[in-house]
Amino acid sequence: ATIADMDSSTILTLLPSISSAVFQEGQTNNNTKGISEVLSLVEQTGDVISTNMLPGQHPIQSIQSQFRISVSVLNAEQLQNTPLVLPQNTLEEATGVKTSEIYFYNPV
Protein backbone atom coordinates (compact mmCIF):
# COMPACT_ATOMS: atom_id res chain seq x y z
CA ALA A 1 0.00 0.00 0.00
CA THR A 2 1.09 3.55 -0.67
CA ILE A 3 0.35 6.69 1.34
CA ALA A 4 -2.41 7.55 -1.13
CA ASP A 5 -4.20 4.28 -0.25
CA MET A 6 -4.33 5.02 3.50
CA ASP A 7 -6.82 7.00 5.55
CA SER A 8 -5.82 9.99 7.67
CA SER A 9 -5.87 8.20 11.02
CA THR A 10 -3.59 5.42 9.71
CA ILE A 11 -1.17 7.99 8.35
CA LEU A 12 -1.08 9.87 11.66
CA THR A 13 -0.18 6.66 13.49
CA LEU A 14 2.75 6.21 11.08
CA LEU A 15 4.26 9.66 11.71
CA PRO A 16 6.47 8.48 14.63
CA SER A 17 7.98 5.88 12.29
CA ILE A 18 8.64 8.56 9.68
CA SER A 19 10.30 10.68 12.35
CA SER A 20 12.46 7.73 13.38
CA ALA A 21 13.47 7.17 9.74
CA VAL A 22 14.45 10.84 9.43
CA PHE A 23 16.60 10.54 12.55
CA GLN A 24 18.26 7.29 11.44
CA GLU A 25 18.93 8.67 7.97
CA GLY A 26 20.61 11.70 9.49
CA GLN A 27 22.71 9.56 11.83
CA THR A 28 23.91 7.04 9.26
CA ASN A 29 24.11 8.60 5.81
CA ASN A 30 23.24 12.27 6.11
CA ASN A 31 22.61 12.23 2.38
CA THR A 32 20.41 14.61 0.46
CA LYS A 33 18.59 11.84 -1.44
CA GLY A 34 17.37 10.17 1.75
CA ILE A 35 16.22 13.44 3.25
CA SER A 36 14.38 14.45 0.09
CA GLU A 37 12.62 11.05 0.03
CA VAL A 38 11.43 11.57 3.61
CA LEU A 39 10.28 15.11 2.82
CA SER A 40 8.37 13.75 -0.16
CA LEU A 41 6.70 11.21 2.13
CA VAL A 42 5.70 13.96 4.57
CA GLU A 43 4.35 16.05 1.67
CA GLN A 44 2.29 13.08 0.42
CA THR A 45 1.00 12.62 3.96
CA GLY A 46 -0.24 16.21 4.03
CA ASP A 47 -1.85 15.81 0.62
CA VAL A 48 -3.79 12.71 1.67
CA ILE A 49 -4.92 14.22 4.98
CA SER A 50 -6.08 17.42 3.29
CA THR A 51 -8.30 15.56 0.79
CA ASN A 52 -10.67 14.72 3.67
CA MET A 53 -10.76 18.24 5.10
CA LEU A 54 -12.98 21.26 4.47
CA PRO A 55 -11.86 24.89 4.21
CA GLY A 56 -11.72 26.48 7.65
CA GLN A 57 -11.59 23.18 9.53
CA HIS A 58 -9.18 23.13 12.47
CA PRO A 59 -5.74 22.00 11.30
CA ILE A 60 -4.58 18.44 11.81
CA GLN A 61 -1.26 18.69 13.62
CA SER A 62 1.42 16.32 14.82
CA ILE A 63 4.70 16.98 16.61
CA GLN A 64 7.43 14.40 16.18
CA SER A 65 11.02 14.40 17.38
CA GLN A 66 12.39 15.29 13.93
CA PHE A 67 9.60 17.37 12.38
CA ARG A 68 6.24 19.02 12.93
CA ILE A 69 3.34 18.87 10.50
CA SER A 70 0.23 21.00 10.33
CA VAL A 71 -2.32 20.36 7.58
CA SER A 72 -4.97 22.97 6.76
CA VAL A 73 -7.36 23.61 3.91
CA LEU A 74 -8.06 27.28 3.29
CA ASN A 75 -10.22 29.12 0.79
CA ALA A 76 -8.82 32.10 -1.16
CA GLU A 77 -9.98 34.67 1.42
CA GLN A 78 -8.50 32.70 4.32
CA LEU A 79 -5.19 32.39 2.44
CA GLN A 80 -4.86 36.17 2.51
CA ASN A 81 -5.86 36.69 6.14
CA THR A 82 -4.97 33.56 8.11
CA PRO A 83 -1.49 32.77 9.39
CA LEU A 84 -0.31 29.19 9.28
CA VAL A 85 0.99 28.48 12.78
CA LEU A 86 3.72 25.99 13.61
CA PRO A 87 2.37 23.49 16.15
CA GLN A 88 3.79 23.73 19.65
CA ASN A 89 4.42 21.03 22.23
CA THR A 90 3.05 21.28 25.77
CA LEU A 91 6.26 22.73 27.22
CA GLU A 92 6.43 25.46 24.58
CA GLU A 93 2.80 26.38 25.23
CA ALA A 94 3.25 26.37 29.02
CA THR A 95 6.35 28.57 28.92
CA GLY A 96 4.83 31.06 26.48
CA VAL A 97 7.19 30.47 23.56
CA LYS A 98 6.08 32.68 20.67
CA THR A 99 4.70 30.60 17.83
CA SER A 100 6.11 30.86 14.33
CA GLU A 101 3.60 32.10 11.79
CA ILE A 102 3.65 32.03 8.00
CA TYR A 103 1.47 34.28 5.87
CA PHE A 104 0.87 33.62 2.18
CA TYR A 105 -0.06 37.26 1.89
CA ASN A 106 1.77 39.84 3.97
CA PRO A 107 -0.93 41.56 6.07
CA VAL A 108 -0.63 45.33 6.36
PDB file of N, CA and C in Angstrom:
ATOM      1  N   ALA A   1       0.837  -1.186   0.000  1.00  0.00           N
ATOM      2  CA  ALA A   1       0.000   0.000   0.000  1.00  0.00           C
ATOM      3  C   ALA A   1       0.879   1.246   0.000  1.00  0.00           C
ATOM      4  N   THR A   2       0.389   2.281  -0.657  1.00  0.00           N
ATOM      5  CA  THR A   2       1.091   3.552  -0.666  1.00  0.00           C
ATOM      6  C   THR A   2       0.363   4.523   0.253  1.00  0.00           C
ATOM      7  N   ILE A   3       0.982   5.666   0.513  1.00  0.00           N
ATOM      8  CA  ILE A   3       0.353   6.692   1.344  1.00  0.00           C
ATOM      9  C   ILE A   3      -1.022   7.053   0.798  1.00  0.00           C
ATOM     10  N   ALA A   4      -1.147   7.164  -0.511  1.00  0.00           N
ATOM     11  CA  ALA A   4      -2.410   7.553  -1.128  1.00  0.00           C
ATOM     12  C   ALA A   4      -3.532   6.553  -0.857  1.00  0.00           C
ATOM     13  N   ASP A   5      -3.194   5.316  -0.518  1.00  0.00           N
ATOM     14  CA  ASP A   5      -4.198   4.284  -0.252  1.00  0.00           C
ATOM     15  C   ASP A   5      -4.663   4.262   1.203  1.00  0.00           C
ATOM     16  N   MET A   6      -4.040   5.065   2.071  1.00  0.00           N
ATOM     17  CA  MET A   6      -4.331   5.020   3.503  1.00  0.00           C
ATOM     18  C   MET A   6      -5.269   6.145   3.905  1.00  0.00           C
ATOM     19  N   ASP A   7      -5.988   5.926   5.028  1.00  0.00           N
ATOM     20  CA  ASP A   7      -6.818   6.999   5.546  1.00  0.00           C
ATOM     21  C   ASP A   7      -5.995   7.861   6.508  1.00  0.00           C
ATOM     22  N   SER A   8      -6.545   9.013   6.863  1.00  0.00           N
ATOM     23  CA  SER A   8      -5.819   9.992   7.672  1.00  0.00           C
ATOM     24  C   SER A   8      -5.364   9.445   9.013  1.00  0.00           C
ATOM     25  N   SER A   9      -6.234   8.702   9.687  1.00  0.00           N
ATOM     26  CA  SER A   9      -5.866   8.197  11.017  1.00  0.00           C
ATOM     27  C   SER A   9      -4.722   7.194  10.934  1.00  0.00           C
ATOM     28  N   THR A  10      -4.703   6.365   9.896  1.00  0.00           N
ATOM     29  CA  THR A  10      -3.594   5.419   9.713  1.00  0.00           C
ATOM     30  C   THR A  10      -2.299   6.172   9.476  1.00  0.00           C
ATOM     31  N   ILE A  11      -2.367   7.197   8.643  1.00  0.00           N
ATOM     32  CA  ILE A  11      -1.174   7.988   8.347  1.00  0.00           C
ATOM     33  C   ILE A  11      -0.638   8.634   9.616  1.00  0.00           C
ATOM     34  N   LEU A  12      -1.523   9.210  10.432  1.00  0.00           N
ATOM     35  CA  LEU A  12      -1.075   9.870  11.660  1.00  0.00           C
ATOM     36  C   LEU A  12      -0.399   8.887  12.610  1.00  0.00           C
ATOM     37  N   THR A  13      -0.841   7.644  12.624  1.00  0.00           N
ATOM     38  CA  THR A  13      -0.177   6.658  13.486  1.00  0.00           C
ATOM     39  C   THR A  13       1.206   6.288  12.960  1.00  0.00           C
ATOM     40  N   LEU A  14       1.447   6.521  11.670  1.00  0.00           N
ATOM     41  CA  LEU A  14       2.751   6.212  11.082  1.00  0.00           C
ATOM     42  C   LEU A  14       3.772   7.336  11.243  1.00  0.00           C
ATOM     43  N   LEU A  15       3.341   8.523  11.629  1.00  0.00           N
ATOM     44  CA  LEU A  15       4.261   9.656  11.714  1.00  0.00           C
ATOM     45  C   LEU A  15       5.445   9.417  12.656  1.00  0.00           C
ATOM     46  N   PRO A  16       5.273   8.756  13.813  1.00  0.00           N
ATOM     47  CA  PRO A  16       6.467   8.479  14.629  1.00  0.00           C
ATOM     48  C   PRO A  16       7.503   7.625  13.890  1.00  0.00           C
ATOM     49  N   SER A  17       7.049   6.704  13.067  1.00  0.00           N
ATOM     50  CA  SER A  17       7.981   5.881  12.289  1.00  0.00           C
ATOM     51  C   SER A  17       8.713   6.723  11.251  1.00  0.00           C
ATOM     52  N   ILE A  18       8.000   7.661  10.642  1.00  0.00           N
ATOM     53  CA  ILE A  18       8.636   8.556   9.676  1.00  0.00           C
ATOM     54  C   ILE A  18       9.691   9.392  10.389  1.00  0.00           C
ATOM     55  N   SER A  19       9.349   9.888  11.576  1.00  0.00           N
ATOM     56  CA  SER A  19      10.297  10.677  12.355  1.00  0.00           C
ATOM     57  C   SER A  19      11.544   9.863  12.684  1.00  0.00           C
ATOM     58  N   SER A  20      11.344   8.613  13.064  1.00  0.00           N
ATOM     59  CA  SER A  20      12.465   7.731  13.376  1.00  0.00           C
ATOM     60  C   SER A  20      13.339   7.520  12.141  1.00  0.00           C
ATOM     61  N   ALA A  21      12.710   7.363  10.981  1.00  0.00           N
ATOM     62  CA  ALA A  21      13.467   7.173   9.739  1.00  0.00           C
ATOM     63  C   ALA A  21      14.293   8.419   9.420  1.00  0.00           C
ATOM     64  N   VAL A  22      13.720   9.599   9.661  1.00  0.00           N
ATOM     65  CA  VAL A  22      14.453  10.838   9.432  1.00  0.00           C
ATOM     66  C   VAL A  22      15.687  10.875  10.327  1.00  0.00           C
ATOM     67  N   PHE A  23      15.500  10.524  11.599  1.00  0.00           N
ATOM     68  CA  PHE A  23      16.605  10.544  12.550  1.00  0.00           C
ATOM     69  C   PHE A  23      17.690   9.543  12.147  1.00  0.00           C
ATOM     70  N   GLN A  24      17.285   8.319  11.816  1.00  0.00           N
ATOM     71  CA  GLN A  24      18.255   7.293  11.442  1.00  0.00           C
ATOM     72  C   GLN A  24      18.993   7.671  10.165  1.00  0.00           C
ATOM     73  N   GLU A  25      18.303   8.249   9.215  1.00  0.00           N
ATOM     74  CA  GLU A  25      18.931   8.673   7.967  1.00  0.00           C
ATOM     75  C   GLU A  25      19.991   9.732   8.253  1.00  0.00           C
ATOM     76  N   GLY A  26      19.664  10.657   9.137  1.00  0.00           N
ATOM     77  CA  GLY A  26      20.609  11.703   9.491  1.00  0.00           C
ATOM     78  C   GLY A  26      21.810  11.166  10.239  1.00  0.00           C
ATOM     79  N   GLN A  27      21.611  10.134  11.053  1.00  0.00           N
ATOM     80  CA  GLN A  27      22.707   9.564  11.834  1.00  0.00           C
ATOM     81  C   GLN A  27      23.638   8.696  10.990  1.00  0.00           C
ATOM     82  N   THR A  28      23.088   7.995  10.003  1.00  0.00           N
ATOM     83  CA  THR A  28      23.905   7.044   9.256  1.00  0.00           C
ATOM     84  C   THR A  28      24.485   7.623   7.971  1.00  0.00           C
ATOM     85  N   ASN A  29      23.642   8.182   7.128  1.00  0.00           N
ATOM     86  CA  ASN A  29      24.106   8.601   5.814  1.00  0.00           C
ATOM     87  C   ASN A  29      24.223  10.108   5.634  1.00  0.00           C
ATOM     88  N   ASN A  30      23.306  10.819   6.268  1.00  0.00           N
ATOM     89  CA  ASN A  30      23.245  12.269   6.106  1.00  0.00           C
ATOM     90  C   ASN A  30      23.303  12.662   4.631  1.00  0.00           C
ATOM     91  N   ASN A  31      22.586  11.914   3.806  1.00  0.00           N
ATOM     92  CA  ASN A  31      22.614  12.229   2.382  1.00  0.00           C
ATOM     93  C   ASN A  31      21.341  12.954   1.945  1.00  0.00           C
ATOM     94  N   THR A  32      21.498  13.780   0.949  1.00  0.00           N
ATOM     95  CA  THR A  32      20.408  14.611   0.456  1.00  0.00           C
ATOM     96  C   THR A  32      19.286  13.773  -0.133  1.00  0.00           C
ATOM     97  N   LYS A  33      19.617  12.678  -0.806  1.00  0.00           N
ATOM     98  CA  LYS A  33      18.588  11.842  -1.436  1.00  0.00           C
ATOM     99  C   LYS A  33      17.649  11.263  -0.385  1.00  0.00           C
ATOM    100  N   GLY A  34      18.198  10.746   0.700  1.00  0.00           N
ATOM    101  CA  GLY A  34      17.366  10.165   1.755  1.00  0.00           C
ATOM    102  C   GLY A  34      16.470  11.200   2.401  1.00  0.00           C
ATOM    103  N   ILE A  35      17.004  12.379   2.641  1.00  0.00           N
ATOM    104  CA  ILE A  35      16.217  13.442   3.254  1.00  0.00           C
ATOM    105  C   ILE A  35      15.117  13.892   2.309  1.00  0.00           C
ATOM    106  N   SER A  36      15.411  14.020   1.029  1.00  0.00           N
ATOM    107  CA  SER A  36      14.380  14.447   0.095  1.00  0.00           C
ATOM    108  C   SER A  36      13.285  13.386  -0.051  1.00  0.00           C
ATOM    109  N   GLU A  37      13.631  12.112   0.067  1.00  0.00           N
ATOM    110  CA  GLU A  37      12.617  11.052   0.027  1.00  0.00           C
ATOM    111  C   GLU A  37      11.688  11.152   1.229  1.00  0.00           C
ATOM    112  N   VAL A  38      12.256  11.427   2.403  1.00  0.00           N
ATOM    113  CA  VAL A  38      11.429  11.568   3.611  1.00  0.00           C
ATOM    114  C   VAL A  38      10.545  12.804   3.491  1.00  0.00           C
ATOM    115  N   LEU A  39      11.090  13.908   2.996  1.00  0.00           N
ATOM    116  CA  LEU A  39      10.282  15.114   2.816  1.00  0.00           C
ATOM    117  C   LEU A  39       9.144  14.867   1.834  1.00  0.00           C
ATOM    118  N   SER A  40       9.413  14.107   0.799  1.00  0.00           N
ATOM    119  CA  SER A  40       8.375  13.750  -0.156  1.00  0.00           C
ATOM    120  C   SER A  40       7.274  12.937   0.519  1.00  0.00           C
ATOM    121  N   LEU A  41       7.668  12.019   1.390  1.00  0.00           N
ATOM    122  CA  LEU A  41       6.699  11.210   2.131  1.00  0.00           C
ATOM    123  C   LEU A  41       5.840  12.087   3.040  1.00  0.00           C
ATOM    124  N   VAL A  42       6.454  13.046   3.713  1.00  0.00           N
ATOM    125  CA  VAL A  42       5.698  13.965   4.575  1.00  0.00           C
ATOM    126  C   VAL A  42       4.752  14.814   3.734  1.00  0.00           C
ATOM    127  N   GLU A  43       5.209  15.269   2.568  1.00  0.00           N
ATOM    128  CA  GLU A  43       4.355  16.050   1.675  1.00  0.00           C
ATOM    129  C   GLU A  43       3.152  15.224   1.212  1.00  0.00           C
ATOM    130  N   GLN A  44       3.386  13.971   0.823  1.00  0.00           N
ATOM    131  CA  GLN A  44       2.294  13.084   0.417  1.00  0.00           C
ATOM    132  C   GLN A  44       1.312  12.885   1.562  1.00  0.00           C
ATOM    133  N   THR A  45       1.849  12.778   2.782  1.00  0.00           N
ATOM    134  CA  THR A  45       1.003  12.617   3.963  1.00  0.00           C
ATOM    135  C   THR A  45       0.055  13.808   4.086  1.00  0.00           C
ATOM    136  N   GLY A  46       0.596  15.008   3.964  1.00  0.00           N
ATOM    137  CA  GLY A  46      -0.236  16.212   4.029  1.00  0.00           C
ATOM    138  C   GLY A  46      -1.285  16.244   2.938  1.00  0.00           C
ATOM    139  N   ASP A  47      -0.904  15.835   1.740  1.00  0.00           N
ATOM    140  CA  ASP A  47      -1.846  15.809   0.618  1.00  0.00           C
ATOM    141  C   ASP A  47      -3.021  14.877   0.894  1.00  0.00           C
ATOM    142  N   VAL A  48      -2.731  13.691   1.408  1.00  0.00           N
ATOM    143  CA  VAL A  48      -3.792  12.712   1.668  1.00  0.00           C
ATOM    144  C   VAL A  48      -4.706  13.198   2.796  1.00  0.00           C
ATOM    145  N   ILE A  49      -4.108  13.724   3.861  1.00  0.00           N
ATOM    146  CA  ILE A  49      -4.916  14.219   4.982  1.00  0.00           C
ATOM    147  C   ILE A  49      -5.829  15.348   4.512  1.00  0.00           C
ATOM    148  N   SER A  50      -5.300  16.258   3.703  1.00  0.00           N
ATOM    149  CA  SER A  50      -6.084  17.423   3.289  1.00  0.00           C
ATOM    150  C   SER A  50      -7.251  17.065   2.370  1.00  0.00           C
ATOM    151  N   THR A  51      -7.192  15.929   1.690  1.00  0.00           N
ATOM    152  CA  THR A  51      -8.300  15.564   0.795  1.00  0.00           C
ATOM    153  C   THR A  51      -9.585  15.296   1.563  1.00  0.00           C
ATOM    154  N   ASN A  52      -9.484  14.991   2.859  1.00  0.00           N
ATOM    155  CA  ASN A  52     -10.665  14.719   3.670  1.00  0.00           C
ATOM    156  C   ASN A  52     -11.055  15.896   4.555  1.00  0.00           C
ATOM    157  N   MET A  53     -10.487  17.066   4.277  1.00  0.00           N
ATOM    158  CA  MET A  53     -10.764  18.238   5.102  1.00  0.00           C
ATOM    159  C   MET A  53     -11.564  19.278   4.322  1.00  0.00           C
ATOM    160  N   LEU A  54     -12.228  20.166   5.064  1.00  0.00           N
ATOM    161  CA  LEU A  54     -12.982  21.259   4.475  1.00  0.00           C
ATOM    162  C   LEU A  54     -12.284  22.582   4.782  1.00  0.00           C
ATOM    163  N   PRO A  55     -12.447  23.586   3.918  1.00  0.00           N
ATOM    164  CA  PRO A  55     -11.859  24.891   4.212  1.00  0.00           C
ATOM    165  C   PRO A  55     -12.330  25.414   5.566  1.00  0.00           C
ATOM    166  N   GLY A  56     -11.394  25.921   6.344  1.00  0.00           N
ATOM    167  CA  GLY A  56     -11.718  26.477   7.653  1.00  0.00           C
ATOM    168  C   GLY A  56     -11.715  25.478   8.788  1.00  0.00           C
ATOM    169  N   GLN A  57     -11.635  24.200   8.484  1.00  0.00           N
ATOM    170  CA  GLN A  57     -11.592  23.177   9.532  1.00  0.00           C
ATOM    171  C   GLN A  57     -10.311  23.353  10.340  1.00  0.00           C
ATOM    172  N   HIS A  58     -10.383  23.043  11.645  1.00  0.00           N
ATOM    173  CA  HIS A  58      -9.180  23.132  12.474  1.00  0.00           C
ATOM    174  C   HIS A  58      -8.078  22.282  11.854  1.00  0.00           C
ATOM    175  N   PRO A  59      -6.840  22.769  11.911  1.00  0.00           N
ATOM    176  CA  PRO A  59      -5.742  22.005  11.302  1.00  0.00           C
ATOM    177  C   PRO A  59      -5.497  20.680  12.014  1.00  0.00           C
ATOM    178  N   ILE A  60      -5.033  19.711  11.252  1.00  0.00           N
ATOM    179  CA  ILE A  60      -4.584  18.439  11.810  1.00  0.00           C
ATOM    180  C   ILE A  60      -3.085  18.622  12.047  1.00  0.00           C
ATOM    181  N   GLN A  61      -2.651  18.425  13.283  1.00  0.00           N
ATOM    182  CA  GLN A  61      -1.262  18.686  13.624  1.00  0.00           C
ATOM    183  C   GLN A  61      -0.634  17.497  14.318  1.00  0.00           C
ATOM    184  N   SER A  62       0.661  17.362  14.130  1.00  0.00           N
ATOM    185  CA  SER A  62       1.423  16.324  14.816  1.00  0.00           C
ATOM    186  C   SER A  62       2.828  16.852  15.054  1.00  0.00           C
ATOM    187  N   ILE A  63       3.330  16.594  16.260  1.00  0.00           N
ATOM    188  CA  ILE A  63       4.697  16.982  16.610  1.00  0.00           C
ATOM    189  C   ILE A  63       5.485  15.708  16.840  1.00  0.00           C
ATOM    190  N   GLN A  64       6.547  15.549  16.061  1.00  0.00           N
ATOM    191  CA  GLN A  64       7.428  14.399  16.176  1.00  0.00           C
ATOM    192  C   GLN A  64       8.813  14.895  16.593  1.00  0.00           C
ATOM    193  N   SER A  65       9.694  13.979  16.917  1.00  0.00           N
ATOM    194  CA  SER A  65      11.019  14.395  17.375  1.00  0.00           C
ATOM    195  C   SER A  65      11.828  15.080  16.270  1.00  0.00           C
ATOM    196  N   GLN A  66      11.590  14.748  15.020  1.00  0.00           N
ATOM    197  CA  GLN A  66      12.393  15.285  13.927  1.00  0.00           C
ATOM    198  C   GLN A  66      11.659  16.287  13.042  1.00  0.00           C
ATOM    199  N   PHE A  67      10.348  16.418  13.191  1.00  0.00           N
ATOM    200  CA  PHE A  67       9.599  17.369  12.383  1.00  0.00           C
ATOM    201  C   PHE A  67       8.236  17.631  13.009  1.00  0.00           C
ATOM    202  N   ARG A  68       7.601  18.682  12.534  1.00  0.00           N
ATOM    203  CA  ARG A  68       6.237  19.023  12.928  1.00  0.00           C
ATOM    204  C   ARG A  68       5.442  19.174  11.646  1.00  0.00           C
ATOM    205  N   ILE A  69       4.186  18.736  11.689  1.00  0.00           N
ATOM    206  CA  ILE A  69       3.345  18.873  10.500  1.00  0.00           C
ATOM    207  C   ILE A  69       2.009  19.469  10.939  1.00  0.00           C
ATOM    208  N   SER A  70       1.536  20.393  10.127  1.00  0.00           N
ATOM    209  CA  SER A  70       0.228  21.001  10.330  1.00  0.00           C
ATOM    210  C   SER A  70      -0.437  21.046   8.962  1.00  0.00           C
ATOM    211  N   VAL A  71      -1.613  20.436   8.866  1.00  0.00           N
ATOM    212  CA  VAL A  71      -2.317  20.365   7.585  1.00  0.00           C
ATOM    213  C   VAL A  71      -3.609  21.167   7.700  1.00  0.00           C
ATOM    214  N   SER A  72      -3.775  22.125   6.799  1.00  0.00           N
ATOM    215  CA  SER A  72      -4.968  22.974   6.760  1.00  0.00           C
ATOM    216  C   SER A  72      -5.477  23.057   5.336  1.00  0.00           C
ATOM    217  N   VAL A  73      -6.768  23.311   5.217  1.00  0.00           N
ATOM    218  CA  VAL A  73      -7.361  23.607   3.915  1.00  0.00           C
ATOM    219  C   VAL A  73      -8.006  24.985   4.054  1.00  0.00           C
ATOM    220  N   LEU A  74      -7.569  25.911   3.210  1.00  0.00           N
ATOM    221  CA  LEU A  74      -8.056  27.282   3.292  1.00  0.00           C
ATOM    222  C   LEU A  74      -8.647  27.714   1.965  1.00  0.00           C
ATOM    223  N   ASN A  75      -9.703  28.545   2.026  1.00  0.00           N
ATOM    224  CA  ASN A  75     -10.221  29.119   0.788  1.00  0.00           C
ATOM    225  C   ASN A  75      -9.383  30.348   0.448  1.00  0.00           C
ATOM    226  N   ALA A  76      -9.647  30.987  -0.693  1.00  0.00           N
ATOM    227  CA  ALA A  76      -8.818  32.101  -1.164  1.00  0.00           C
ATOM    228  C   ALA A  76      -8.795  33.251  -0.161  1.00  0.00           C
ATOM    229  N   GLU A  77      -9.929  33.568   0.445  1.00  0.00           N
ATOM    230  CA  GLU A  77      -9.985  34.668   1.422  1.00  0.00           C
ATOM    231  C   GLU A  77      -9.151  34.334   2.669  1.00  0.00           C
ATOM    232  N   GLN A  78      -9.266  33.103   3.139  1.00  0.00           N
ATOM    233  CA  GLN A  78      -8.498  32.697   4.316  1.00  0.00           C
ATOM    234  C   GLN A  78      -7.002  32.711   4.031  1.00  0.00           C
ATOM    235  N   LEU A  79      -6.615  32.381   2.815  1.00  0.00           N
ATOM    236  CA  LEU A  79      -5.195  32.388   2.444  1.00  0.00           C
ATOM    237  C   LEU A  79      -4.583  33.764   2.638  1.00  0.00           C
ATOM    238  N   GLN A  80      -5.374  34.809   2.402  1.00  0.00           N
ATOM    239  CA  GLN A  80      -4.857  36.167   2.513  1.00  0.00           C
ATOM    240  C   GLN A  80      -4.867  36.686   3.944  1.00  0.00           C
ATOM    241  N   ASN A  81      -5.671  36.103   4.815  1.00  0.00           N
ATOM    242  CA  ASN A  81      -5.860  36.685   6.140  1.00  0.00           C
ATOM    243  C   ASN A  81      -5.511  35.768   7.305  1.00  0.00           C
ATOM    244  N   THR A  82      -5.178  34.531   7.045  1.00  0.00           N
ATOM    245  CA  THR A  82      -4.969  33.563   8.115  1.00  0.00           C
ATOM    246  C   THR A  82      -3.522  33.108   8.160  1.00  0.00           C
ATOM    247  N   PRO A  83      -2.857  33.293   9.308  1.00  0.00           N
ATOM    248  CA  PRO A  83      -1.486  32.773   9.395  1.00  0.00           C
ATOM    249  C   PRO A  83      -1.502  31.259   9.573  1.00  0.00           C
ATOM    250  N   LEU A  84      -0.525  30.602   9.004  1.00  0.00           N
ATOM    251  CA  LEU A  84      -0.314  29.187   9.281  1.00  0.00           C
ATOM    252  C   LEU A  84       0.645  29.141  10.461  1.00  0.00           C
ATOM    253  N   VAL A  85       0.243  28.461  11.532  1.00  0.00           N
ATOM    254  CA  VAL A  85       0.986  28.485  12.784  1.00  0.00           C
ATOM    255  C   VAL A  85       1.671  27.145  13.005  1.00  0.00           C
ATOM    256  N   LEU A  86       2.963  27.198  13.311  1.00  0.00           N
ATOM    257  CA  LEU A  86       3.720  25.989  13.611  1.00  0.00           C
ATOM    258  C   LEU A  86       3.197  25.381  14.909  1.00  0.00           C
ATOM    259  N   PRO A  87       2.875  24.095  14.918  1.00  0.00           N
ATOM    260  CA  PRO A  87       2.367  23.486  16.151  1.00  0.00           C
ATOM    261  C   PRO A  87       3.405  23.540  17.270  1.00  0.00           C
ATOM    262  N   GLN A  88       2.919  23.691  18.490  1.00  0.00           N
ATOM    263  CA  GLN A  88       3.794  23.730  19.654  1.00  0.00           C
ATOM    264  C   GLN A  88       3.542  22.526  20.548  1.00  0.00           C
ATOM    265  N   ASN A  89       4.610  22.099  21.246  1.00  0.00           N
ATOM    266  CA  ASN A  89       4.425  21.030  22.229  1.00  0.00           C
ATOM    267  C   ASN A  89       3.952  21.654  23.546  1.00  0.00           C
ATOM    268  N   THR A  90       3.606  20.826  24.510  1.00  0.00           N
ATOM    269  CA  THR A  90       3.047  21.284  25.772  1.00  0.00           C
ATOM    270  C   THR A  90       3.993  22.220  26.514  1.00  0.00           C
ATOM    271  N   LEU A  91       5.282  21.894  26.532  1.00  0.00           N
ATOM    272  CA  LEU A  91       6.261  22.731  27.224  1.00  0.00           C
ATOM    273  C   LEU A  91       6.355  24.113  26.589  1.00  0.00           C
ATOM    274  N   GLU A  92       6.375  24.165  25.271  1.00  0.00           N
ATOM    275  CA  GLU A  92       6.428  25.457  24.582  1.00  0.00           C
ATOM    276  C   GLU A  92       5.201  26.303  24.899  1.00  0.00           C
ATOM    277  N   GLU A  93       4.029  25.657  24.906  1.00  0.00           N
ATOM    278  CA  GLU A  93       2.802  26.382  25.228  1.00  0.00           C
ATOM    279  C   GLU A  93       2.833  26.888  26.663  1.00  0.00           C
ATOM    280  N   ALA A  94       3.248  26.021  27.598  1.00  0.00           N
ATOM    281  CA  ALA A  94       3.252  26.366  29.017  1.00  0.00           C
ATOM    282  C   ALA A  94       4.228  27.493  29.345  1.00  0.00           C
ATOM    283  N   THR A  95       5.348  27.551  28.631  1.00  0.00           N
ATOM    284  CA  THR A  95       6.354  28.566  28.920  1.00  0.00           C
ATOM    285  C   THR A  95       6.180  29.829  28.068  1.00  0.00           C
ATOM    286  N   GLY A  96       5.146  29.858  27.244  1.00  0.00           N
ATOM    287  CA  GLY A  96       4.834  31.057  26.484  1.00  0.00           C
ATOM    288  C   GLY A  96       5.751  31.332  25.302  1.00  0.00           C
ATOM    289  N   VAL A  97       6.343  30.290  24.739  1.00  0.00           N
ATOM    290  CA  VAL A  97       7.188  30.473  23.559  1.00  0.00           C
ATOM    291  C   VAL A  97       6.331  31.027  22.422  1.00  0.00           C
ATOM    292  N   LYS A  98       6.818  32.083  21.787  1.00  0.00           N
ATOM    293  CA  LYS A  98       6.079  32.683  20.673  1.00  0.00           C
ATOM    294  C   LYS A  98       6.034  31.706  19.506  1.00  0.00           C
ATOM    295  N   THR A  99       4.854  31.535  18.956  1.00  0.00           N
ATOM    296  CA  THR A  99       4.702  30.605  17.834  1.00  0.00           C
ATOM    297  C   THR A  99       5.201  31.232  16.540  1.00  0.00           C
ATOM    298  N   SER A 100       5.718  30.407  15.660  1.00  0.00           N
ATOM    299  CA  SER A 100       6.113  30.855  14.330  1.00  0.00           C
ATOM    300  C   SER A 100       4.879  30.886  13.447  1.00  0.00           C
ATOM    301  N   GLU A 101       4.739  31.950  12.682  1.00  0.00           N
ATOM    302  CA  GLU A 101       3.598  32.102  11.787  1.00  0.00           C
ATOM    303  C   GLU A 101       4.085  32.357  10.372  1.00  0.00           C
ATOM    304  N   ILE A 102       3.351  31.817   9.414  1.00  0.00           N
ATOM    305  CA  ILE A 102       3.654  32.025   8.004  1.00  0.00           C
ATOM    306  C   ILE A 102       2.403  32.602   7.359  1.00  0.00           C
ATOM    307  N   TYR A 103       2.571  33.686   6.629  1.00  0.00           N
ATOM    308  CA  TYR A 103       1.475  34.277   5.865  1.00  0.00           C
ATOM    309  C   TYR A 103       1.757  34.076   4.387  1.00  0.00           C
ATOM    310  N   PHE A 104       0.725  33.696   3.636  1.00  0.00           N
ATOM    311  CA  PHE A 104       0.874  33.622   2.182  1.00  0.00           C
ATOM    312  C   PHE A 104       0.770  35.017   1.593  1.00  0.00           C
ATOM    313  N   TYR A 105       0.098  35.886   2.310  1.00  0.00           N
ATOM    314  CA  TYR A 105      -0.064  37.263   1.888  1.00  0.00           C
ATOM    315  C   TYR A 105       0.344  38.114   3.067  1.00  0.00           C
ATOM    316  N   ASN A 106       1.261  39.032   2.865  1.00  0.00           N
ATOM    317  CA  ASN A 106       1.765  39.843   3.972  1.00  0.00           C
ATOM    318  C   ASN A 106       0.703  40.833   4.413  1.00  0.00           C
ATOM    319  N   PRO A 107       0.119  40.645   5.611  1.00  0.00           N
ATOM    320  CA  PRO A 107      -0.931  41.561   6.067  1.00  0.00           C
ATOM    321  C   PRO A 107      -0.347  42.936   6.392  1.00  0.00           C
ATOM    322  N   VAL A 108      -1.111  43.969   6.104  1.00  0.00           N
ATOM    323  CA  VAL A 108      -0.630  45.330   6.357  1.00  0.00           C
ATOM    324  C   VAL A 108      -1.205  45.849   7.652  1.00  0.00           C
TER     325      VAL A 108
END
